[in-house]
Amino acid sequence: MKNRFIRLLQKYTTDETYLHELWLHLHHCYTEKHRTYHNLTHLEELFHYFDRYSNELSEPNIVSFSIFYHDIVYKIWKTNNEEKSAEMALNKLQKLNLSPFFLEGIKSQILATKTHKATSNDTQFLIDFDLAILGQSGEEYQKYAKNIRKEYDKVPSFLYKKGRKKVLQHFLTTKTIYQTKIFRNKYEVQARTNLENELKTEFYGF
């Protein structure tokens, strides 16, 4: 992950000290003790899909930055993590002298991971990369759900269940979970099955 991050930054700067500082900060954030899902492994998963579908992207470098920074702020008691992540991304990357178009792309893509809505092709793929875990095998989904619960272990059970149930029902009531035809064809049916199973087994009667 470090090598990928450095290679991306080297396209825009030769300042090795700056590169090192940015990596240390990124690593520090994604290895916070409470992160059992939204960590470096999560980034690796997104880049797995990025590598597979990069030829579908118009601005892959913007998407790469968005992946790296989309969860850099993750506080379990806050509801503005995406806004803070976008803000931090633009603040940390300001020395790269990226174009306004580039910076706005990063900002809008990170914010879209909160709403799960997008109009641009690249942002649609980013959202689908982020939600791909929902459409994996039942076993993989259960691991994901358990890791999410661990991240919120300080949240009382009744509060967690209330919030989690709301999230599950939100996805299930959307017309489609995935934004792109590729991901809908591959993962939509399994994702809905996984979400419904969690809702039935964990929240029945709640």
Foldseek 3Di string as FASTA:
>chain_A
DLVVQLVLLVVQDPPVVLSVVVVVLLQVQQVPPLQLDSHVVLLVQLVVVCVVCVVQDPDSSLLNLLSSQLQSDDDPVDDCRLVVSLVVSCVSCVVSVDDPVSSVSSSVLSVCCNVVDDDDRSSLSSNCSNCVQLQDDLVSVVSNVVSVCSSVVVPDPVVVLVVLLVVLVVCLPDPFNGDDPVSCVRGGVSSNVNSVVCCCPPPVPD
